[in-house]
Amino acid sequence: MIDIKITTKDNINELMSSRLEMLKVVNDLPEDYKYSEEIINESRDYFLNGDHLTVLAMDDDVVIGCASMSFIRIMPTFEHPTGKRAHLMNVYTKSKYRRKGIARKMVELLIEKTWEKGATEISLDATTLGRPLYEKMGFTNSTECMVLTKG
């Protein structure tokens, strides 16, 4: 049976292994890819100290999926009077477990907890593979945002 659970700091090893596996798959990296110390250390620090909720999907004791919601607080606006927003990321399910509703269940749990925390908006960056799921769940394209990336 598949169990979906909200993680704690006690799950750091599972969180790190699922994050690094997801990055390899999504970025089409070789199995023996070596991550920089910066990515490893910053990811670990974020899981231990960042403002987030992360869930793991487990098949017995094996991690088969993960998803995270990062929380952002901005100055309140009329559209977002709490100033609390969230960004969904790191949604991943191992290939043999896909198309079984696991990602949807993980995201639904995170959305429920996010609304309970007072957030008024959830954003995400969707892969081509994930886009149909998010559209079915009510996510829409936004034209509100511009981005500047440090070059």
N, C-alpha and C. Protein backbone atom coordinates (compact mmCIF):
# COMPACT_ATOMS: atom_id res chain seq x y z
N MET A 1 0.84 -1.19 0.00
CA MET A 1 0.00 0.00 0.00
C MET A 1 0.88 1.25 0.00
N ILE A 2 0.47 2.24 -0.76
CA ILE A 2 1.22 3.50 -0.85
C ILE A 2 0.75 4.42 0.27
N ASP A 3 1.72 4.95 1.01
CA ASP A 3 1.45 5.87 2.11
C ASP A 3 2.06 7.22 1.76
N ILE A 4 1.30 8.28 1.94
CA ILE A 4 1.81 9.64 1.70
C ILE A 4 1.87 10.35 3.03
N LYS A 5 3.06 10.83 3.38
CA LYS A 5 3.23 11.44 4.70
C LYS A 5 3.95 12.76 4.61
N ILE A 6 3.58 13.66 5.51
CA ILE A 6 4.29 14.92 5.65
C ILE A 6 5.58 14.64 6.41
N THR A 7 6.67 15.17 5.91
CA THR A 7 7.97 14.87 6.49
C THR A 7 8.30 15.78 7.66
N THR A 8 9.29 15.33 8.42
CA THR A 8 9.91 16.12 9.49
C THR A 8 11.41 16.11 9.25
N LYS A 9 12.13 16.79 10.11
CA LYS A 9 13.59 16.79 9.99
C LYS A 9 14.17 15.39 10.14
N ASP A 10 13.44 14.49 10.79
CA ASP A 10 13.90 13.11 10.93
C ASP A 10 13.97 12.38 9.60
N ASN A 11 13.32 12.92 8.57
CA ASN A 11 13.31 12.30 7.24
C ASN A 11 14.38 12.87 6.31
N ILE A 12 15.42 13.52 6.86
CA ILE A 12 16.40 14.21 6.02
C ILE A 12 17.06 13.28 5.01
N ASN A 13 17.38 12.06 5.38
CA ASN A 13 18.05 11.17 4.43
C ASN A 13 17.13 10.83 3.26
N GLU A 14 15.85 10.54 3.53
CA GLU A 14 14.90 10.26 2.47
C GLU A 14 14.66 11.49 1.60
N LEU A 15 14.59 12.66 2.24
CA LEU A 15 14.39 13.91 1.51
C LEU A 15 15.55 14.17 0.55
N MET A 16 16.75 14.01 1.03
CA MET A 16 17.92 14.25 0.19
C MET A 16 18.00 13.25 -0.96
N SER A 17 17.78 11.99 -0.68
CA SER A 17 17.90 11.00 -1.76
C SER A 17 16.82 11.21 -2.81
N SER A 18 15.60 11.55 -2.39
CA SER A 18 14.54 11.76 -3.38
C SER A 18 14.80 13.02 -4.19
N ARG A 19 15.29 14.07 -3.56
CA ARG A 19 15.59 15.32 -4.26
C ARG A 19 16.68 15.11 -5.30
N LEU A 20 17.75 14.44 -4.93
CA LEU A 20 18.86 14.24 -5.86
C LEU A 20 18.47 13.30 -7.00
N GLU A 21 17.67 12.29 -6.70
CA GLU A 21 17.18 11.41 -7.76
C GLU A 21 16.29 12.19 -8.73
N MET A 22 15.37 12.99 -8.20
CA MET A 22 14.47 13.78 -9.03
C MET A 22 15.26 14.72 -9.95
N LEU A 23 16.30 15.37 -9.41
CA LEU A 23 17.10 16.28 -10.23
C LEU A 23 17.79 15.55 -11.38
N LYS A 24 18.25 14.34 -11.14
CA LYS A 24 18.88 13.56 -12.21
C LYS A 24 17.88 13.24 -13.31
N VAL A 25 16.70 12.79 -12.92
CA VAL A 25 15.69 12.39 -13.90
C VAL A 25 15.20 13.59 -14.69
N VAL A 26 14.80 14.64 -14.00
CA VAL A 26 14.23 15.82 -14.66
C VAL A 26 15.24 16.50 -15.58
N ASN A 27 16.51 16.48 -15.18
CA ASN A 27 17.55 17.14 -15.98
C ASN A 27 18.30 16.17 -16.89
N ASP A 28 17.82 14.94 -16.98
CA ASP A 28 18.40 13.92 -17.86
C ASP A 28 19.91 13.77 -17.62
N LEU A 29 20.27 13.66 -16.34
CA LEU A 29 21.68 13.51 -15.95
C LEU A 29 22.03 12.03 -15.85
N PRO A 30 23.30 11.67 -16.07
CA PRO A 30 23.70 10.27 -15.95
C PRO A 30 23.57 9.77 -14.51
N GLU A 31 23.38 8.48 -14.36
CA GLU A 31 23.21 7.87 -13.03
C GLU A 31 24.38 8.19 -12.10
N ASP A 32 25.59 8.30 -12.64
CA ASP A 32 26.78 8.54 -11.81
C ASP A 32 27.13 10.03 -11.68
N TYR A 33 26.18 10.92 -12.02
CA TYR A 33 26.42 12.36 -11.93
C TYR A 33 26.80 12.75 -10.50
N LYS A 34 27.80 13.62 -10.38
CA LYS A 34 28.26 14.11 -9.07
C LYS A 34 27.77 15.55 -8.86
N TYR A 35 27.00 15.74 -7.83
CA TYR A 35 26.47 17.08 -7.50
C TYR A 35 27.54 17.92 -6.83
N SER A 36 27.43 19.23 -7.00
CA SER A 36 28.34 20.14 -6.31
C SER A 36 28.02 20.13 -4.82
N GLU A 37 29.02 20.44 -4.04
CA GLU A 37 28.82 20.54 -2.59
C GLU A 37 27.77 21.61 -2.27
N GLU A 38 27.75 22.69 -3.07
CA GLU A 38 26.80 23.77 -2.85
C GLU A 38 25.35 23.26 -2.97
N ILE A 39 25.06 22.51 -4.03
CA ILE A 39 23.69 21.98 -4.20
C ILE A 39 23.34 21.05 -3.05
N ILE A 40 24.25 20.18 -2.68
CA ILE A 40 23.99 19.23 -1.60
C ILE A 40 23.78 19.97 -0.27
N ASN A 41 24.71 20.86 0.06
CA ASN A 41 24.63 21.56 1.35
C ASN A 41 23.41 22.48 1.43
N GLU A 42 23.13 23.22 0.35
CA GLU A 42 21.99 24.13 0.36
C GLU A 42 20.66 23.38 0.39
N SER A 43 20.59 22.26 -0.31
CA SER A 43 19.37 21.44 -0.28
C SER A 43 19.14 20.90 1.13
N ARG A 44 20.19 20.38 1.74
CA ARG A 44 20.07 19.86 3.12
C ARG A 44 19.63 20.98 4.06
N ASP A 45 20.26 22.14 3.95
CA ASP A 45 19.91 23.26 4.82
C ASP A 45 18.45 23.68 4.61
N TYR A 46 18.01 23.68 3.35
CA TYR A 46 16.62 24.06 3.09
C TYR A 46 15.66 23.08 3.74
N PHE A 47 15.90 21.78 3.57
CA PHE A 47 15.01 20.79 4.18
C PHE A 47 15.00 20.90 5.70
N LEU A 48 16.13 21.27 6.28
CA LEU A 48 16.20 21.37 7.74
C LEU A 48 15.70 22.70 8.27
N ASN A 49 15.87 23.79 7.50
CA ASN A 49 15.59 25.13 8.04
C ASN A 49 14.67 25.99 7.18
N GLY A 50 14.33 25.56 5.98
CA GLY A 50 13.52 26.38 5.10
C GLY A 50 12.05 26.38 5.49
N ASP A 51 11.31 27.37 5.00
CA ASP A 51 9.88 27.46 5.25
C ASP A 51 9.16 26.66 4.16
N HIS A 52 8.88 25.39 4.45
CA HIS A 52 8.30 24.51 3.45
C HIS A 52 7.51 23.38 4.12
N LEU A 53 6.73 22.72 3.31
CA LEU A 53 6.12 21.43 3.66
C LEU A 53 6.55 20.48 2.55
N THR A 54 7.00 19.31 2.92
CA THR A 54 7.37 18.31 1.94
C THR A 54 6.69 17.00 2.29
N VAL A 55 6.21 16.33 1.27
CA VAL A 55 5.60 15.01 1.46
C VAL A 55 6.41 13.97 0.71
N LEU A 56 6.38 12.76 1.25
CA LEU A 56 6.99 11.62 0.58
C LEU A 56 5.91 10.58 0.36
N ALA A 57 5.95 9.93 -0.79
CA ALA A 57 5.10 8.77 -1.05
C ALA A 57 5.98 7.55 -0.82
N MET A 58 5.48 6.63 -0.01
CA MET A 58 6.24 5.46 0.39
C MET A 58 5.51 4.19 -0.02
N ASP A 59 6.26 3.23 -0.54
CA ASP A 59 5.77 1.88 -0.78
C ASP A 59 6.52 1.02 0.22
N ASP A 60 5.87 0.70 1.33
CA ASP A 60 6.53 0.12 2.50
C ASP A 60 7.60 1.11 2.97
N ASP A 61 8.88 0.72 2.93
CA ASP A 61 9.95 1.61 3.38
C ASP A 61 10.71 2.27 2.24
N VAL A 62 10.19 2.16 1.01
CA VAL A 62 10.87 2.69 -0.16
C VAL A 62 10.21 3.99 -0.60
N VAL A 63 11.02 5.06 -0.75
CA VAL A 63 10.51 6.33 -1.24
C VAL A 63 10.24 6.19 -2.73
N ILE A 64 9.00 6.47 -3.14
CA ILE A 64 8.65 6.37 -4.56
C ILE A 64 8.21 7.71 -5.14
N GLY A 65 8.09 8.73 -4.29
CA GLY A 65 7.69 10.04 -4.78
C GLY A 65 7.90 11.11 -3.73
N CYS A 66 7.93 12.35 -4.21
CA CYS A 66 8.09 13.49 -3.30
C CYS A 66 7.43 14.72 -3.92
N ALA A 67 7.12 15.68 -3.08
CA ALA A 67 6.59 16.97 -3.53
C ALA A 67 6.80 17.97 -2.40
N SER A 68 7.09 19.21 -2.76
CA SER A 68 7.36 20.26 -1.76
C SER A 68 6.58 21.52 -2.07
N MET A 69 6.20 22.21 -1.01
CA MET A 69 5.59 23.52 -1.11
C MET A 69 6.47 24.48 -0.33
N SER A 70 7.00 25.48 -1.03
CA SER A 70 7.83 26.50 -0.39
C SER A 70 6.97 27.73 -0.13
N PHE A 71 7.11 28.29 1.05
CA PHE A 71 6.28 29.43 1.44
C PHE A 71 7.05 30.74 1.33
N ILE A 72 6.36 31.74 0.83
CA ILE A 72 6.93 33.05 0.57
C ILE A 72 6.00 34.09 1.20
N ARG A 73 6.56 35.06 1.90
CA ARG A 73 5.74 36.14 2.44
C ARG A 73 6.18 37.44 1.79
N ILE A 74 5.20 38.13 1.19
CA ILE A 74 5.45 39.42 0.58
C ILE A 74 4.58 40.46 1.26
N MET A 75 4.76 41.70 0.89
CA MET A 75 3.91 42.75 1.43
C MET A 75 2.46 42.48 0.99
N PRO A 76 1.49 42.59 1.89
CA PRO A 76 0.10 42.33 1.52
C PRO A 76 -0.38 43.25 0.40
N THR A 77 -1.25 42.70 -0.44
CA THR A 77 -1.87 43.45 -1.52
C THR A 77 -3.37 43.19 -1.44
N PHE A 78 -4.16 43.90 -2.26
CA PHE A 78 -5.60 43.67 -2.25
C PHE A 78 -5.93 42.24 -2.68
N GLU A 79 -5.18 41.72 -3.66
CA GLU A 79 -5.43 40.35 -4.14
C GLU A 79 -4.91 39.31 -3.15
N HIS A 80 -3.90 39.66 -2.37
CA HIS A 80 -3.27 38.74 -1.42
C HIS A 80 -3.12 39.43 -0.07
N PRO A 81 -4.23 39.60 0.65
CA PRO A 81 -4.21 40.39 1.88
C PRO A 81 -3.33 39.82 2.99
N THR A 82 -3.04 38.53 2.96
CA THR A 82 -2.14 37.97 3.98
C THR A 82 -0.68 38.14 3.59
N GLY A 83 -0.43 38.37 2.30
CA GLY A 83 0.95 38.43 1.82
C GLY A 83 1.59 37.05 1.74
N LYS A 84 0.83 36.00 2.05
CA LYS A 84 1.38 34.64 2.06
C LYS A 84 1.11 33.96 0.72
N ARG A 85 2.18 33.54 0.09
CA ARG A 85 2.10 32.82 -1.17
C ARG A 85 2.92 31.54 -1.05
N ALA A 86 2.75 30.67 -2.01
CA ALA A 86 3.49 29.41 -1.98
C ALA A 86 3.90 29.02 -3.39
N HIS A 87 4.94 28.22 -3.46
CA HIS A 87 5.44 27.74 -4.75
C HIS A 87 5.60 26.22 -4.66
N LEU A 88 4.87 25.51 -5.51
CA LEU A 88 4.91 24.05 -5.56
C LEU A 88 6.11 23.62 -6.40
N MET A 89 6.88 22.68 -5.88
CA MET A 89 8.05 22.23 -6.64
C MET A 89 8.46 20.83 -6.21
N ASN A 90 9.41 20.27 -6.96
CA ASN A 90 9.99 18.99 -6.60
C ASN A 90 8.96 17.86 -6.65
N VAL A 91 7.93 17.98 -7.49
CA VAL A 91 6.93 16.92 -7.61
C VAL A 91 7.51 15.83 -8.50
N TYR A 92 7.65 14.64 -7.93
CA TYR A 92 8.31 13.56 -8.64
C TYR A 92 7.76 12.22 -8.17
N THR A 93 7.54 11.33 -9.13
CA THR A 93 7.16 9.95 -8.83
C THR A 93 8.05 9.04 -9.68
N LYS A 94 8.58 7.98 -9.08
CA LYS A 94 9.39 7.03 -9.84
C LYS A 94 8.58 6.49 -11.01
N SER A 95 9.25 6.23 -12.11
CA SER A 95 8.57 5.90 -13.37
C SER A 95 7.59 4.74 -13.26
N LYS A 96 7.93 3.68 -12.56
CA LYS A 96 7.01 2.53 -12.51
C LYS A 96 5.76 2.78 -11.66
N TYR A 97 5.72 3.90 -10.94
CA TYR A 97 4.56 4.25 -10.11
C TYR A 97 3.72 5.37 -10.72
N ARG A 98 4.10 5.84 -11.89
CA ARG A 98 3.38 6.95 -12.52
C ARG A 98 2.03 6.50 -13.06
N ARG A 99 1.14 7.48 -13.26
CA ARG A 99 -0.20 7.27 -13.82
C ARG A 99 -1.09 6.46 -12.87
N LYS A 100 -0.82 6.57 -11.55
CA LYS A 100 -1.61 5.86 -10.54
C LYS A 100 -2.24 6.83 -9.54
N GLY A 101 -2.11 8.14 -9.79
CA GLY A 101 -2.71 9.14 -8.91
C GLY A 101 -1.86 9.53 -7.72
N ILE A 102 -0.63 9.05 -7.65
CA ILE A 102 0.22 9.33 -6.50
C ILE A 102 0.63 10.80 -6.46
N ALA A 103 1.08 11.34 -7.59
CA ALA A 103 1.46 12.77 -7.63
C ALA A 103 0.26 13.64 -7.27
N ARG A 104 -0.88 13.30 -7.81
CA ARG A 104 -2.10 14.07 -7.50
C ARG A 104 -2.39 14.07 -6.00
N LYS A 105 -2.29 12.92 -5.36
CA LYS A 105 -2.55 12.83 -3.91
C LYS A 105 -1.53 13.66 -3.12
N MET A 106 -0.27 13.61 -3.54
CA MET A 106 0.74 14.41 -2.84
C MET A 106 0.43 15.90 -2.98
N VAL A 107 0.11 16.34 -4.19
CA VAL A 107 -0.17 17.75 -4.44
C VAL A 107 -1.45 18.18 -3.72
N GLU A 108 -2.49 17.35 -3.74
CA GLU A 108 -3.73 17.69 -3.03
C GLU A 108 -3.47 17.90 -1.54
N LEU A 109 -2.67 17.04 -0.93
CA LEU A 109 -2.36 17.21 0.49
C LEU A 109 -1.61 18.52 0.73
N LEU A 110 -0.65 18.83 -0.12
CA LEU A 110 0.09 20.08 0.03
C LEU A 110 -0.80 21.30 -0.17
N ILE A 111 -1.70 21.24 -1.15
CA ILE A 111 -2.62 22.36 -1.38
C ILE A 111 -3.51 22.57 -0.15
N GLU A 112 -4.05 21.50 0.37
CA GLU A 112 -4.92 21.60 1.56
C GLU A 112 -4.17 22.27 2.71
N LYS A 113 -2.96 21.83 2.99
CA LYS A 113 -2.17 22.39 4.09
C LYS A 113 -1.76 23.84 3.80
N THR A 114 -1.54 24.15 2.53
CA THR A 114 -1.15 25.51 2.14
C THR A 114 -2.29 26.49 2.38
N TRP A 115 -3.51 26.11 2.01
CA TRP A 115 -4.66 26.99 2.28
C TRP A 115 -4.86 27.14 3.78
N GLU A 116 -4.66 26.07 4.54
CA GLU A 116 -4.79 26.15 6.01
C GLU A 116 -3.79 27.13 6.61
N LYS A 117 -2.62 27.27 5.99
CA LYS A 117 -1.59 28.20 6.48
C LYS A 117 -1.87 29.65 6.07
N GLY A 118 -2.96 29.89 5.32
CA GLY A 118 -3.35 31.25 4.97
C GLY A 118 -2.82 31.77 3.65
N ALA A 119 -2.16 30.94 2.88
CA ALA A 119 -1.67 31.39 1.57
C ALA A 119 -2.85 31.68 0.66
N THR A 120 -2.67 32.63 -0.25
CA THR A 120 -3.74 32.99 -1.17
C THR A 120 -3.39 32.69 -2.62
N GLU A 121 -2.18 32.18 -2.86
CA GLU A 121 -1.77 31.86 -4.22
C GLU A 121 -0.70 30.77 -4.18
N ILE A 122 -0.79 29.85 -5.13
CA ILE A 122 0.24 28.82 -5.31
C ILE A 122 0.72 28.92 -6.76
N SER A 123 2.02 29.07 -6.91
CA SER A 123 2.62 29.08 -8.24
C SER A 123 3.43 27.80 -8.43
N LEU A 124 3.81 27.54 -9.66
CA LEU A 124 4.68 26.40 -9.95
C LEU A 124 5.31 26.58 -11.31
N ASP A 125 6.38 25.85 -11.54
CA ASP A 125 7.02 25.77 -12.85
C ASP A 125 6.80 24.34 -13.32
N ALA A 126 5.98 24.17 -14.35
CA ALA A 126 5.57 22.83 -14.77
C ALA A 126 6.45 22.29 -15.89
N THR A 127 6.79 21.01 -15.78
CA THR A 127 7.42 20.32 -16.90
C THR A 127 6.32 19.95 -17.89
N THR A 128 6.69 19.58 -19.07
CA THR A 128 5.72 19.14 -20.07
C THR A 128 4.95 17.93 -19.55
N LEU A 129 5.64 17.02 -18.88
CA LEU A 129 5.02 15.82 -18.34
C LEU A 129 3.99 16.15 -17.25
N GLY A 130 4.29 17.15 -16.43
CA GLY A 130 3.42 17.48 -15.31
C GLY A 130 2.26 18.41 -15.64
N ARG A 131 2.38 19.16 -16.72
CA ARG A 131 1.38 20.18 -17.06
C ARG A 131 -0.06 19.66 -17.08
N PRO A 132 -0.36 18.51 -17.72
CA PRO A 132 -1.76 18.05 -17.74
C PRO A 132 -2.35 17.82 -16.33
N LEU A 133 -1.55 17.30 -15.43
CA LEU A 133 -2.03 17.09 -14.06
C LEU A 133 -2.41 18.42 -13.42
N TYR A 134 -1.52 19.40 -13.53
CA TYR A 134 -1.77 20.70 -12.89
C TYR A 134 -2.98 21.40 -13.51
N GLU A 135 -3.13 21.28 -14.80
CA GLU A 135 -4.31 21.88 -15.45
C GLU A 135 -5.59 21.23 -14.96
N LYS A 136 -5.60 19.90 -14.79
CA LYS A 136 -6.78 19.20 -14.27
C LYS A 136 -7.09 19.64 -12.85
N MET A 137 -6.06 20.04 -12.11
CA MET A 137 -6.25 20.46 -10.72
C MET A 137 -6.61 21.93 -10.60
N GLY A 138 -6.71 22.65 -11.72
CA GLY A 138 -7.15 24.03 -11.69
C GLY A 138 -6.08 25.08 -11.86
N PHE A 139 -4.82 24.69 -12.00
CA PHE A 139 -3.76 25.67 -12.23
C PHE A 139 -3.92 26.25 -13.63
N THR A 140 -3.65 27.54 -13.75
CA THR A 140 -3.75 28.22 -15.04
C THR A 140 -2.45 28.97 -15.32
N ASN A 141 -2.24 29.33 -16.57
CA ASN A 141 -1.08 30.15 -16.93
C ASN A 141 -1.28 31.55 -16.38
N SER A 142 -0.18 32.19 -16.03
CA SER A 142 -0.23 33.54 -15.48
C SER A 142 0.57 34.49 -16.36
N THR A 143 0.04 35.67 -16.53
CA THR A 143 0.78 36.71 -17.25
C THR A 143 1.16 37.85 -16.31
N GLU A 144 1.02 37.62 -14.99
CA GLU A 144 1.27 38.66 -14.01
C GLU A 144 2.73 38.89 -13.68
N CYS A 145 3.58 37.96 -14.03
CA CYS A 145 4.92 37.97 -13.48
C CYS A 145 5.98 38.15 -14.54
N MET A 146 6.99 38.93 -14.22
CA MET A 146 8.21 39.02 -15.03
C MET A 146 9.34 38.51 -14.14
N VAL A 147 10.39 38.03 -14.72
CA VAL A 147 11.48 37.45 -13.95
C VAL A 147 12.82 38.00 -14.42
N LEU A 148 13.69 38.28 -13.49
CA LEU A 148 15.07 38.65 -13.79
C LEU A 148 15.95 37.60 -13.14
N THR A 149 16.80 36.96 -13.92
CA THR A 149 17.67 35.92 -13.42
C THR A 149 19.10 36.43 -13.40
N LYS A 150 19.78 36.20 -12.29
CA LYS A 150 21.18 36.61 -12.18
C LYS A 150 22.00 35.85 -13.22
N GLY A 151 22.67 36.58 -14.07
CA GLY A 151 23.41 35.98 -15.18
C GLY A 151 24.77 35.62 -14.80
